[in-house]
N, C-alpha and C. Protein backbone atom coordinates (compact mmCIF):
# COMPACT_ATOMS: atom_id res chain seq x y z
N MET A 1 -61.98 -31.81 -59.51
CA MET A 1 -63.18 -31.03 -59.49
C MET A 1 -63.64 -30.75 -58.06
N LYS A 2 -63.48 -31.72 -57.16
CA LYS A 2 -63.89 -31.53 -55.78
C LYS A 2 -63.08 -30.42 -55.11
N ILE A 3 -61.81 -30.29 -55.45
CA ILE A 3 -60.96 -29.25 -54.88
C ILE A 3 -61.46 -27.87 -55.28
N VAL A 4 -61.92 -27.71 -56.50
CA VAL A 4 -62.42 -26.43 -56.98
C VAL A 4 -63.66 -26.02 -56.20
N LYS A 5 -64.55 -26.94 -55.87
CA LYS A 5 -65.76 -26.62 -55.10
C LYS A 5 -65.42 -26.38 -53.64
N PHE A 6 -64.43 -27.06 -53.13
CA PHE A 6 -64.05 -26.94 -51.72
C PHE A 6 -63.33 -25.62 -51.43
N LEU A 7 -62.55 -25.12 -52.35
CA LEU A 7 -61.74 -23.91 -52.14
C LEU A 7 -62.59 -22.68 -51.79
N PRO A 8 -63.67 -22.35 -52.53
CA PRO A 8 -64.48 -21.18 -52.14
C PRO A 8 -65.12 -21.34 -50.76
N THR A 9 -65.58 -22.54 -50.44
CA THR A 9 -66.16 -22.79 -49.12
C THR A 9 -65.11 -22.60 -48.04
N PHE A 10 -63.93 -23.11 -48.27
CA PHE A 10 -62.82 -22.96 -47.31
C PHE A 10 -62.48 -21.49 -47.11
N LEU A 11 -62.41 -20.71 -48.19
CA LEU A 11 -62.09 -19.29 -48.08
C LEU A 11 -63.17 -18.52 -47.32
N VAL A 12 -64.43 -18.88 -47.53
CA VAL A 12 -65.52 -18.22 -46.81
C VAL A 12 -65.41 -18.52 -45.31
N ILE A 13 -65.10 -19.75 -44.95
CA ILE A 13 -64.95 -20.12 -43.54
C ILE A 13 -63.80 -19.36 -42.90
N VAL A 14 -62.68 -19.26 -43.60
CA VAL A 14 -61.52 -18.52 -43.09
C VAL A 14 -61.87 -17.05 -42.92
N LEU A 15 -62.58 -16.46 -43.88
CA LEU A 15 -62.98 -15.06 -43.79
C LEU A 15 -63.90 -14.83 -42.59
N ILE A 16 -64.85 -15.73 -42.37
CA ILE A 16 -65.75 -15.60 -41.22
C ILE A 16 -64.96 -15.69 -39.92
N MET A 17 -64.01 -16.58 -39.85
CA MET A 17 -63.19 -16.71 -38.64
C MET A 17 -62.37 -15.45 -38.39
N LEU A 18 -61.81 -14.87 -39.45
CA LEU A 18 -61.03 -13.64 -39.30
C LEU A 18 -61.91 -12.48 -38.82
N LEU A 19 -63.10 -12.35 -39.40
CA LEU A 19 -64.01 -11.28 -38.98
C LEU A 19 -64.45 -11.46 -37.53
N THR A 20 -64.74 -12.68 -37.14
CA THR A 20 -65.14 -12.96 -35.77
C THR A 20 -64.01 -12.61 -34.80
N THR A 21 -62.81 -12.94 -35.14
CA THR A 21 -61.66 -12.64 -34.30
C THR A 21 -61.45 -11.14 -34.20
N ALA A 22 -61.58 -10.42 -35.31
CA ALA A 22 -61.40 -8.97 -35.30
C ALA A 22 -62.46 -8.30 -34.44
N CYS A 23 -63.71 -8.73 -34.57
CA CYS A 23 -64.79 -8.15 -33.75
C CYS A 23 -64.57 -8.46 -32.28
N GLY A 24 -64.09 -9.62 -31.99
CA GLY A 24 -63.81 -9.99 -30.60
C GLY A 24 -62.76 -9.11 -29.98
N LYS A 25 -61.75 -8.72 -30.75
CA LYS A 25 -60.71 -7.83 -30.21
C LYS A 25 -61.29 -6.47 -29.88
N ASN A 26 -62.17 -5.93 -30.74
CA ASN A 26 -62.78 -4.63 -30.45
C ASN A 26 -63.67 -4.71 -29.23
N ALA A 27 -64.44 -5.78 -29.11
CA ALA A 27 -65.31 -5.94 -27.94
C ALA A 27 -64.49 -6.02 -26.67
N THR A 28 -63.35 -6.72 -26.71
CA THR A 28 -62.50 -6.83 -25.53
C THR A 28 -61.94 -5.48 -25.13
N ALA A 29 -61.54 -4.67 -26.12
CA ALA A 29 -60.99 -3.34 -25.80
C ALA A 29 -62.04 -2.51 -25.07
N LYS A 30 -63.29 -2.53 -25.54
CA LYS A 30 -64.33 -1.77 -24.88
C LYS A 30 -64.60 -2.30 -23.48
N SER A 31 -64.63 -3.61 -23.34
CA SER A 31 -64.90 -4.18 -22.03
C SER A 31 -63.74 -3.91 -21.07
N ASN A 32 -62.52 -3.86 -21.58
CA ASN A 32 -61.38 -3.53 -20.71
C ASN A 32 -61.50 -2.11 -20.18
N GLU A 33 -61.95 -1.17 -21.01
CA GLU A 33 -62.15 0.20 -20.54
C GLU A 33 -63.26 0.23 -19.50
N ALA A 34 -64.34 -0.52 -19.76
CA ALA A 34 -65.44 -0.56 -18.80
C ALA A 34 -65.00 -1.22 -17.50
N LYS A 35 -64.15 -2.25 -17.59
CA LYS A 35 -63.66 -2.91 -16.37
C LYS A 35 -62.90 -1.93 -15.50
N GLY A 36 -62.18 -0.98 -16.11
CA GLY A 36 -61.41 -0.01 -15.35
C GLY A 36 -62.26 0.93 -14.51
N ILE A 37 -63.48 1.20 -14.97
CA ILE A 37 -64.34 2.12 -14.21
C ILE A 37 -65.38 1.39 -13.37
N CYS A 38 -65.54 0.08 -13.58
CA CYS A 38 -66.55 -0.65 -12.80
C CYS A 38 -66.24 -0.58 -11.32
N GLY A 39 -67.28 -0.36 -10.55
CA GLY A 39 -67.14 -0.25 -9.10
C GLY A 39 -67.89 0.95 -8.59
N SER A 40 -67.73 1.21 -7.32
CA SER A 40 -68.41 2.30 -6.64
C SER A 40 -67.41 3.43 -6.39
N TRP A 41 -67.73 4.65 -6.82
CA TRP A 41 -66.81 5.78 -6.76
C TRP A 41 -67.36 6.90 -5.88
N ALA A 42 -66.45 7.50 -5.11
CA ALA A 42 -66.80 8.61 -4.23
C ALA A 42 -65.80 9.74 -4.42
N TYR A 43 -66.21 10.96 -4.06
CA TYR A 43 -65.29 12.09 -4.08
C TYR A 43 -64.21 11.86 -3.02
N THR A 44 -63.01 12.37 -3.26
CA THR A 44 -61.91 12.18 -2.32
C THR A 44 -62.17 12.86 -0.98
N HIS A 45 -63.01 13.87 -0.96
CA HIS A 45 -63.31 14.56 0.31
C HIS A 45 -64.39 13.84 1.12
N ASP A 46 -65.05 12.82 0.55
CA ASP A 46 -66.07 12.04 1.26
C ASP A 46 -66.03 10.62 0.69
N LYS A 47 -65.10 9.83 1.16
CA LYS A 47 -64.82 8.52 0.58
C LYS A 47 -65.88 7.47 0.89
N GLU A 48 -66.85 7.78 1.70
CA GLU A 48 -67.89 6.81 2.08
C GLU A 48 -69.15 6.93 1.22
N THR A 49 -69.39 8.09 0.62
CA THR A 49 -70.63 8.32 -0.12
C THR A 49 -70.42 8.12 -1.61
N ALA A 50 -71.02 7.07 -2.15
CA ALA A 50 -70.88 6.77 -3.57
C ALA A 50 -71.66 7.78 -4.41
N ILE A 51 -70.99 8.37 -5.37
CA ILE A 51 -71.61 9.31 -6.31
C ILE A 51 -71.91 8.62 -7.63
N ALA A 52 -71.03 7.69 -8.02
CA ALA A 52 -71.18 6.96 -9.27
C ALA A 52 -70.88 5.48 -9.02
N VAL A 53 -71.75 4.62 -9.55
CA VAL A 53 -71.54 3.17 -9.45
C VAL A 53 -71.73 2.59 -10.85
N PHE A 54 -70.70 1.88 -11.32
CA PHE A 54 -70.74 1.27 -12.64
C PHE A 54 -70.67 -0.25 -12.47
N HIS A 55 -71.68 -0.94 -12.99
CA HIS A 55 -71.77 -2.40 -12.86
C HIS A 55 -71.29 -3.08 -14.13
N LYS A 56 -70.80 -4.30 -13.99
CA LYS A 56 -70.29 -5.08 -15.13
C LYS A 56 -71.38 -5.40 -16.14
N ASP A 57 -72.64 -5.37 -15.73
CA ASP A 57 -73.74 -5.67 -16.66
C ASP A 57 -74.14 -4.47 -17.51
N GLY A 58 -73.41 -3.33 -17.37
CA GLY A 58 -73.70 -2.15 -18.18
C GLY A 58 -74.71 -1.20 -17.58
N THR A 59 -75.12 -1.43 -16.33
CA THR A 59 -76.00 -0.50 -15.65
C THR A 59 -75.17 0.38 -14.72
N ALA A 60 -75.74 1.52 -14.35
CA ALA A 60 -75.00 2.46 -13.52
C ALA A 60 -75.98 3.31 -12.72
N GLN A 61 -75.45 3.90 -11.65
CA GLN A 61 -76.15 4.93 -10.90
C GLN A 61 -75.20 6.14 -10.85
N TYR A 62 -75.76 7.31 -11.09
CA TYR A 62 -74.96 8.54 -11.02
C TYR A 62 -75.82 9.60 -10.38
N GLU A 63 -75.30 10.17 -9.30
CA GLU A 63 -76.01 11.20 -8.54
C GLU A 63 -77.44 10.77 -8.22
N GLY A 64 -77.60 9.49 -7.84
CA GLY A 64 -78.88 8.99 -7.38
C GLY A 64 -79.86 8.55 -8.47
N LYS A 65 -79.45 8.59 -9.74
CA LYS A 65 -80.35 8.19 -10.83
C LYS A 65 -79.79 6.95 -11.52
N ASP A 66 -80.70 6.16 -12.11
CA ASP A 66 -80.32 4.92 -12.80
C ASP A 66 -80.07 5.17 -14.28
N TYR A 67 -79.05 4.49 -14.81
CA TYR A 67 -78.67 4.62 -16.21
C TYR A 67 -78.15 3.28 -16.72
N SER A 68 -78.04 3.19 -18.06
CA SER A 68 -77.16 2.20 -18.68
C SER A 68 -75.94 2.99 -19.11
N PHE A 69 -74.79 2.31 -19.28
CA PHE A 69 -73.61 3.08 -19.67
C PHE A 69 -72.77 2.33 -20.68
N GLU A 70 -72.03 3.12 -21.44
CA GLU A 70 -70.97 2.66 -22.33
C GLU A 70 -69.81 3.60 -22.12
N CYS A 71 -68.60 3.15 -22.40
CA CYS A 71 -67.48 4.07 -22.28
C CYS A 71 -66.43 3.74 -23.33
N ASP A 72 -65.65 4.77 -23.65
CA ASP A 72 -64.46 4.58 -24.45
C ASP A 72 -63.31 5.10 -23.61
N SER A 73 -62.20 5.40 -24.19
CA SER A 73 -61.03 5.80 -23.39
C SER A 73 -61.12 7.23 -22.88
N GLN A 74 -62.15 7.99 -23.29
CA GLN A 74 -62.24 9.39 -22.90
C GLN A 74 -63.58 9.78 -22.25
N PHE A 75 -64.67 9.12 -22.65
CA PHE A 75 -65.99 9.52 -22.19
C PHE A 75 -66.79 8.33 -21.68
N ILE A 76 -67.62 8.60 -20.68
CA ILE A 76 -68.64 7.67 -20.21
C ILE A 76 -69.97 8.23 -20.70
N LYS A 77 -70.74 7.41 -21.39
CA LYS A 77 -72.04 7.85 -21.88
C LYS A 77 -73.11 7.16 -21.06
N LEU A 78 -73.88 7.95 -20.33
CA LEU A 78 -74.97 7.45 -19.50
C LEU A 78 -76.29 7.69 -20.22
N LYS A 79 -77.15 6.67 -20.24
CA LYS A 79 -78.46 6.81 -20.89
C LYS A 79 -79.53 6.41 -19.89
N ASP A 80 -80.54 7.29 -19.70
CA ASP A 80 -81.61 6.97 -18.78
C ASP A 80 -82.73 6.22 -19.50
N LYS A 81 -83.80 5.89 -18.78
CA LYS A 81 -84.90 5.10 -19.35
C LYS A 81 -85.65 5.85 -20.45
N ASP A 82 -85.52 7.19 -20.49
CA ASP A 82 -86.17 8.00 -21.53
C ASP A 82 -85.24 8.28 -22.70
N ASP A 83 -84.10 7.58 -22.75
CA ASP A 83 -83.08 7.74 -23.80
C ASP A 83 -82.36 9.09 -23.76
N LYS A 84 -82.47 9.81 -22.65
CA LYS A 84 -81.69 11.04 -22.49
C LYS A 84 -80.26 10.62 -22.13
N THR A 85 -79.28 11.22 -22.82
CA THR A 85 -77.88 10.83 -22.64
C THR A 85 -77.08 11.93 -21.97
N ILE A 86 -76.22 11.53 -21.04
CA ILE A 86 -75.25 12.41 -20.41
C ILE A 86 -73.87 11.89 -20.80
N LYS A 87 -73.01 12.79 -21.25
CA LYS A 87 -71.66 12.41 -21.67
C LYS A 87 -70.67 13.03 -20.69
N LEU A 88 -69.98 12.17 -19.94
CA LEU A 88 -69.04 12.64 -18.93
C LEU A 88 -67.61 12.27 -19.33
N ARG A 89 -66.76 13.27 -19.36
CA ARG A 89 -65.33 13.03 -19.61
C ARG A 89 -64.74 12.40 -18.35
N TYR A 90 -63.77 11.49 -18.51
CA TYR A 90 -63.11 10.90 -17.36
C TYR A 90 -61.65 10.61 -17.68
N LEU A 91 -60.87 10.45 -16.61
CA LEU A 91 -59.45 10.12 -16.75
C LEU A 91 -59.07 9.24 -15.57
N LEU A 92 -58.65 8.01 -15.85
CA LEU A 92 -58.17 7.10 -14.80
C LEU A 92 -56.70 7.36 -14.54
N ASP A 93 -56.29 7.26 -13.28
CA ASP A 93 -54.87 7.34 -12.94
C ASP A 93 -54.59 6.34 -11.81
N ASP A 94 -53.36 6.33 -11.31
CA ASP A 94 -52.97 5.36 -10.28
C ASP A 94 -53.72 5.54 -8.97
N GLU A 95 -54.21 6.74 -8.70
CA GLU A 95 -54.88 7.01 -7.43
C GLU A 95 -56.40 6.88 -7.52
N GLY A 96 -56.94 6.82 -8.71
CA GLY A 96 -58.40 6.72 -8.86
C GLY A 96 -58.83 7.23 -10.22
N MET A 97 -59.75 8.18 -10.20
CA MET A 97 -60.32 8.70 -11.45
C MET A 97 -60.68 10.16 -11.26
N TYR A 98 -60.52 10.93 -12.34
CA TYR A 98 -61.08 12.27 -12.41
C TYR A 98 -62.34 12.15 -13.25
N LEU A 99 -63.47 12.51 -12.66
CA LEU A 99 -64.74 12.50 -13.36
C LEU A 99 -65.18 13.95 -13.52
N TYR A 100 -65.38 14.35 -14.76
CA TYR A 100 -65.70 15.75 -15.06
C TYR A 100 -67.21 15.96 -15.00
N SER A 101 -67.65 16.77 -14.05
CA SER A 101 -69.07 17.12 -14.02
C SER A 101 -69.31 18.12 -15.15
N ASN A 102 -70.43 17.99 -15.81
CA ASN A 102 -70.74 18.81 -16.97
C ASN A 102 -71.95 19.66 -16.62
N ASN A 103 -71.72 20.96 -16.36
CA ASN A 103 -72.80 21.83 -15.90
C ASN A 103 -72.90 23.07 -16.78
N THR A 104 -74.10 23.60 -16.89
CA THR A 104 -74.35 24.80 -17.68
C THR A 104 -74.52 25.99 -16.74
N TYR A 105 -73.77 27.04 -17.04
CA TYR A 105 -73.82 28.29 -16.28
C TYR A 105 -74.49 29.35 -17.15
N THR A 106 -75.26 30.21 -16.50
CA THR A 106 -75.94 31.29 -17.19
C THR A 106 -75.30 32.62 -16.78
N PHE A 107 -75.13 33.51 -17.76
CA PHE A 107 -74.58 34.83 -17.45
C PHE A 107 -75.52 35.54 -16.51
N SER A 108 -75.00 35.97 -15.36
CA SER A 108 -75.84 36.61 -14.35
C SER A 108 -75.35 38.01 -13.99
N GLY A 109 -74.38 38.49 -14.75
CA GLY A 109 -73.83 39.81 -14.47
C GLY A 109 -74.62 40.92 -15.13
N LYS A 110 -74.12 42.12 -14.96
CA LYS A 110 -74.76 43.28 -15.59
C LYS A 110 -74.18 43.47 -16.98
N GLY A 111 -74.98 43.99 -17.88
CA GLY A 111 -74.52 44.24 -19.24
C GLY A 111 -74.40 42.95 -20.03
N GLU A 112 -73.50 42.96 -21.00
CA GLU A 112 -73.30 41.81 -21.87
C GLU A 112 -71.98 41.11 -21.52
N PRO A 113 -71.93 39.79 -21.63
CA PRO A 113 -70.66 39.10 -21.37
C PRO A 113 -69.67 39.37 -22.51
N HIS A 114 -68.39 39.38 -22.17
CA HIS A 114 -67.31 39.55 -23.15
C HIS A 114 -66.47 38.27 -23.07
N GLY A 115 -66.83 37.26 -23.85
CA GLY A 115 -66.17 35.97 -23.73
C GLY A 115 -66.53 35.38 -22.37
N LEU A 116 -65.51 35.01 -21.61
CA LEU A 116 -65.75 34.47 -20.26
C LEU A 116 -65.89 35.55 -19.21
N VAL A 117 -65.44 36.76 -19.53
CA VAL A 117 -65.45 37.84 -18.55
C VAL A 117 -66.89 38.14 -18.13
N GLY A 118 -67.10 38.12 -16.82
CA GLY A 118 -68.42 38.39 -16.28
C GLY A 118 -68.76 37.42 -15.16
N GLU A 119 -69.99 37.50 -14.73
CA GLU A 119 -70.47 36.65 -13.64
C GLU A 119 -71.36 35.56 -14.21
N TRP A 120 -71.10 34.30 -13.77
CA TRP A 120 -71.81 33.13 -14.28
C TRP A 120 -72.32 32.32 -13.10
N SER A 121 -73.54 31.78 -13.23
CA SER A 121 -74.08 30.98 -12.13
C SER A 121 -74.75 29.71 -12.68
N CYS A 122 -74.66 28.66 -11.88
CA CYS A 122 -75.32 27.38 -12.18
C CYS A 122 -76.37 27.18 -11.09
N ALA A 123 -77.62 27.48 -11.43
CA ALA A 123 -78.70 27.44 -10.45
C ALA A 123 -78.92 26.02 -9.91
N ASP A 124 -78.73 24.99 -10.75
CA ASP A 124 -78.96 23.61 -10.31
C ASP A 124 -78.07 23.22 -9.14
N LYS A 125 -76.85 23.73 -9.12
CA LYS A 125 -75.88 23.33 -8.08
C LYS A 125 -75.57 24.46 -7.09
N ASN A 126 -76.10 25.66 -7.37
CA ASN A 126 -75.80 26.83 -6.56
C ASN A 126 -74.29 27.16 -6.60
N TRP A 127 -73.71 27.04 -7.79
CA TRP A 127 -72.30 27.35 -8.01
C TRP A 127 -72.19 28.62 -8.84
N SER A 128 -71.03 29.28 -8.74
CA SER A 128 -70.85 30.50 -9.53
C SER A 128 -69.36 30.75 -9.80
N TYR A 129 -69.14 31.52 -10.86
CA TYR A 129 -67.80 32.01 -11.21
C TYR A 129 -67.92 33.47 -11.60
N SER A 130 -66.90 34.22 -11.24
CA SER A 130 -66.76 35.58 -11.70
C SER A 130 -65.37 35.69 -12.32
N PHE A 131 -65.32 35.97 -13.63
CA PHE A 131 -64.05 36.11 -14.35
C PHE A 131 -63.85 37.59 -14.71
N THR A 132 -62.63 38.11 -14.47
CA THR A 132 -62.34 39.51 -14.78
C THR A 132 -61.43 39.60 -16.01
N GLU A 133 -61.38 40.80 -16.59
CA GLU A 133 -60.48 41.05 -17.72
C GLU A 133 -59.02 40.96 -17.28
N ALA A 134 -58.74 41.17 -16.01
CA ALA A 134 -57.36 41.13 -15.50
C ALA A 134 -56.85 39.70 -15.30
N GLY A 135 -57.69 38.69 -15.61
CA GLY A 135 -57.26 37.30 -15.50
C GLY A 135 -57.43 36.71 -14.11
N THR A 136 -58.29 37.32 -13.29
CA THR A 136 -58.57 36.76 -11.97
C THR A 136 -59.98 36.17 -11.98
N PHE A 137 -60.23 35.29 -11.01
CA PHE A 137 -61.56 34.71 -10.89
C PHE A 137 -61.91 34.55 -9.42
N LEU A 138 -63.20 34.39 -9.17
CA LEU A 138 -63.70 34.07 -7.84
C LEU A 138 -64.75 32.98 -8.03
N GLU A 139 -64.51 31.82 -7.38
CA GLU A 139 -65.42 30.69 -7.49
C GLU A 139 -66.31 30.63 -6.26
N ASP A 140 -67.59 30.53 -6.48
CA ASP A 140 -68.60 30.40 -5.42
C ASP A 140 -68.50 31.49 -4.36
N GLY A 141 -67.94 32.64 -4.73
CA GLY A 141 -67.84 33.76 -3.80
C GLY A 141 -66.78 33.61 -2.73
N PHE A 142 -66.01 32.49 -2.74
CA PHE A 142 -65.06 32.22 -1.66
C PHE A 142 -63.64 31.92 -2.13
N PHE A 143 -63.47 31.36 -3.32
CA PHE A 143 -62.19 30.81 -3.73
C PHE A 143 -61.59 31.62 -4.88
N PRO A 144 -60.62 32.50 -4.56
CA PRO A 144 -60.02 33.37 -5.60
C PRO A 144 -58.82 32.71 -6.28
N GLY A 145 -58.47 33.28 -7.42
CA GLY A 145 -57.28 32.83 -8.13
C GLY A 145 -57.12 33.54 -9.45
N ASN A 146 -56.21 33.03 -10.26
CA ASN A 146 -55.96 33.55 -11.60
C ASN A 146 -56.32 32.47 -12.61
N TYR A 147 -56.63 32.90 -13.83
CA TYR A 147 -56.99 31.93 -14.86
C TYR A 147 -56.33 32.28 -16.19
N THR A 148 -56.13 31.25 -16.99
CA THR A 148 -55.68 31.43 -18.38
C THR A 148 -56.57 30.56 -19.27
N ILE A 149 -56.72 30.98 -20.50
CA ILE A 149 -57.58 30.28 -21.45
C ILE A 149 -56.71 29.72 -22.58
N ASP A 150 -56.96 28.48 -22.95
CA ASP A 150 -56.36 27.87 -24.13
C ASP A 150 -57.51 27.64 -25.11
N ASP A 151 -57.69 28.59 -26.04
CA ASP A 151 -58.79 28.51 -27.00
C ASP A 151 -58.67 27.29 -27.90
N GLU A 152 -57.44 26.91 -28.23
CA GLU A 152 -57.24 25.77 -29.13
C GLU A 152 -57.75 24.47 -28.52
N LYS A 153 -57.53 24.28 -27.21
CA LYS A 153 -57.98 23.07 -26.53
C LYS A 153 -59.33 23.25 -25.85
N SER A 154 -59.86 24.47 -25.88
CA SER A 154 -61.12 24.82 -25.20
C SER A 154 -61.03 24.51 -23.71
N THR A 155 -59.94 24.97 -23.08
CA THR A 155 -59.75 24.76 -21.65
C THR A 155 -59.48 26.07 -20.92
N ILE A 156 -59.81 26.04 -19.64
CA ILE A 156 -59.50 27.14 -18.72
C ILE A 156 -58.64 26.52 -17.63
N LYS A 157 -57.50 27.14 -17.33
CA LYS A 157 -56.68 26.70 -16.21
C LYS A 157 -56.95 27.63 -15.04
N LEU A 158 -57.45 27.05 -13.95
CA LEU A 158 -57.72 27.80 -12.73
C LEU A 158 -56.56 27.59 -11.77
N VAL A 159 -55.90 28.67 -11.42
CA VAL A 159 -54.79 28.62 -10.46
C VAL A 159 -55.29 29.28 -9.18
N TYR A 160 -55.67 28.45 -8.22
CA TYR A 160 -56.24 28.95 -6.97
C TYR A 160 -55.16 29.55 -6.09
N ASN A 161 -55.52 30.62 -5.35
CA ASN A 161 -54.59 31.22 -4.39
C ASN A 161 -54.31 30.26 -3.24
N ASP A 162 -55.31 29.57 -2.77
CA ASP A 162 -55.23 28.61 -1.66
C ASP A 162 -56.25 27.51 -1.94
N HIS A 163 -56.41 26.63 -1.00
CA HIS A 163 -57.47 25.62 -0.95
C HIS A 163 -57.32 24.45 -1.92
N PHE A 164 -57.12 24.70 -3.21
CA PHE A 164 -57.17 23.63 -4.20
C PHE A 164 -55.94 23.63 -5.10
N GLU A 165 -55.71 22.48 -5.74
CA GLU A 165 -54.66 22.38 -6.74
C GLU A 165 -55.09 23.13 -8.00
N ASP A 166 -54.11 23.46 -8.84
CA ASP A 166 -54.44 24.04 -10.14
C ASP A 166 -55.34 23.06 -10.88
N THR A 167 -56.33 23.57 -11.58
CA THR A 167 -57.34 22.73 -12.20
C THR A 167 -57.58 23.17 -13.64
N VAL A 168 -57.60 22.21 -14.54
CA VAL A 168 -57.91 22.49 -15.95
C VAL A 168 -59.31 22.00 -16.25
N CYS A 169 -60.17 22.91 -16.69
CA CYS A 169 -61.56 22.61 -17.03
C CYS A 169 -61.76 22.78 -18.53
N TYR A 170 -62.65 21.99 -19.10
CA TYR A 170 -63.05 22.18 -20.49
C TYR A 170 -64.27 23.10 -20.50
N PHE A 171 -64.36 23.95 -21.54
CA PHE A 171 -65.51 24.85 -21.61
C PHE A 171 -66.01 24.99 -23.04
N LEU A 172 -67.27 25.38 -23.14
CA LEU A 172 -67.89 25.65 -24.43
C LEU A 172 -68.91 26.76 -24.20
N GLN A 173 -68.78 27.86 -24.96
CA GLN A 173 -69.76 28.93 -24.84
C GLN A 173 -70.93 28.63 -25.77
N LEU A 174 -72.12 28.65 -25.22
CA LEU A 174 -73.35 28.37 -25.96
C LEU A 174 -74.08 29.68 -26.16
N GLY A 175 -73.76 30.38 -27.21
CA GLY A 175 -74.34 31.70 -27.44
C GLY A 175 -73.70 32.71 -26.50
N ASP A 176 -74.39 33.84 -26.29
CA ASP A 176 -73.83 34.90 -25.45
C ASP A 176 -74.07 34.70 -23.97
N SER A 177 -75.09 33.93 -23.60
CA SER A 177 -75.46 33.91 -22.19
C SER A 177 -75.34 32.55 -21.51
N LYS A 178 -74.79 31.55 -22.19
CA LYS A 178 -74.64 30.22 -21.58
C LYS A 178 -73.19 29.76 -21.69
N LEU A 179 -72.73 29.09 -20.65
CA LEU A 179 -71.38 28.56 -20.59
C LEU A 179 -71.45 27.14 -20.07
N GLN A 180 -70.97 26.20 -20.86
CA GLN A 180 -70.91 24.80 -20.43
C GLN A 180 -69.51 24.56 -19.89
N LEU A 181 -69.40 24.07 -18.65
CA LEU A 181 -68.12 23.90 -17.99
C LEU A 181 -67.99 22.47 -17.48
N GLU A 182 -66.88 21.81 -17.84
CA GLU A 182 -66.58 20.46 -17.37
C GLU A 182 -65.48 20.56 -16.33
N TYR A 183 -65.83 20.33 -15.07
CA TYR A 183 -64.90 20.47 -13.95
C TYR A 183 -64.48 19.09 -13.46
N PRO A 184 -63.16 18.84 -13.32
CA PRO A 184 -62.70 17.51 -12.90
C PRO A 184 -62.76 17.32 -11.38
N TRP A 185 -63.45 16.28 -10.95
CA TRP A 185 -63.54 15.94 -9.53
C TRP A 185 -62.70 14.69 -9.28
N PRO A 186 -61.73 14.76 -8.37
CA PRO A 186 -60.97 13.55 -8.05
C PRO A 186 -61.83 12.56 -7.29
N MET A 187 -61.79 11.29 -7.73
CA MET A 187 -62.63 10.27 -7.13
C MET A 187 -61.79 9.04 -6.81
N VAL A 188 -62.24 8.30 -5.81
CA VAL A 188 -61.60 7.04 -5.43
C VAL A 188 -62.69 6.00 -5.27
N LYS A 189 -62.29 4.74 -5.33
CA LYS A 189 -63.25 3.66 -5.07
C LYS A 189 -63.66 3.76 -3.60
N THR A 190 -64.93 3.50 -3.33
CA THR A 190 -65.41 3.60 -1.96
C THR A 190 -64.78 2.51 -1.11
N SER A 191 -64.63 2.79 0.17
CA SER A 191 -63.99 1.85 1.07
C SER A 191 -64.86 0.62 1.33
N ASN A 192 -66.18 0.72 1.07
CA ASN A 192 -67.06 -0.42 1.27
C ASN A 192 -67.15 -1.29 0.01
N GLU A 193 -66.29 -1.02 -0.96
CA GLU A 193 -66.25 -1.79 -2.21
C GLU A 193 -65.77 -3.21 -1.96
């Protein structure tokens, strides 16, 4: 009779141990991703100035503002004290990280936009793009090149004539007059890390 009473208790203990172990593995996977981005990050063109700092305690600074953060294998989610969230795509590699800035551009050309064709500006950053029907673009009035669109992946490939490497950006059109563009910035850990 004692064995019959002991068996359900034993099974419940084993089940609790299995669940605890499974949850621990998921927590470790998330913390391993966070460990990969923890540290102070700067743009490759200015390795001394930290743009993003991710702390092991889950706090962060990005572009001079304080946040808490979580990450998975594709996105870093920053939350400020007012619960406003910023979702940044990222990609770690052997040389550092590509952190995608997520900015909204407004159609600033004449007439109506035709897809991406037209002039777009981001007033917050003083950035701009001009896309033509012939597949050419001009970035910030200085950097020309050709572009192709992959509608299935929602990406634009910018092939610069000079200055920069070919760059793949993610995009999303928000109605007729807004364009959300995720541009990858190469980053490295700061030298004062």
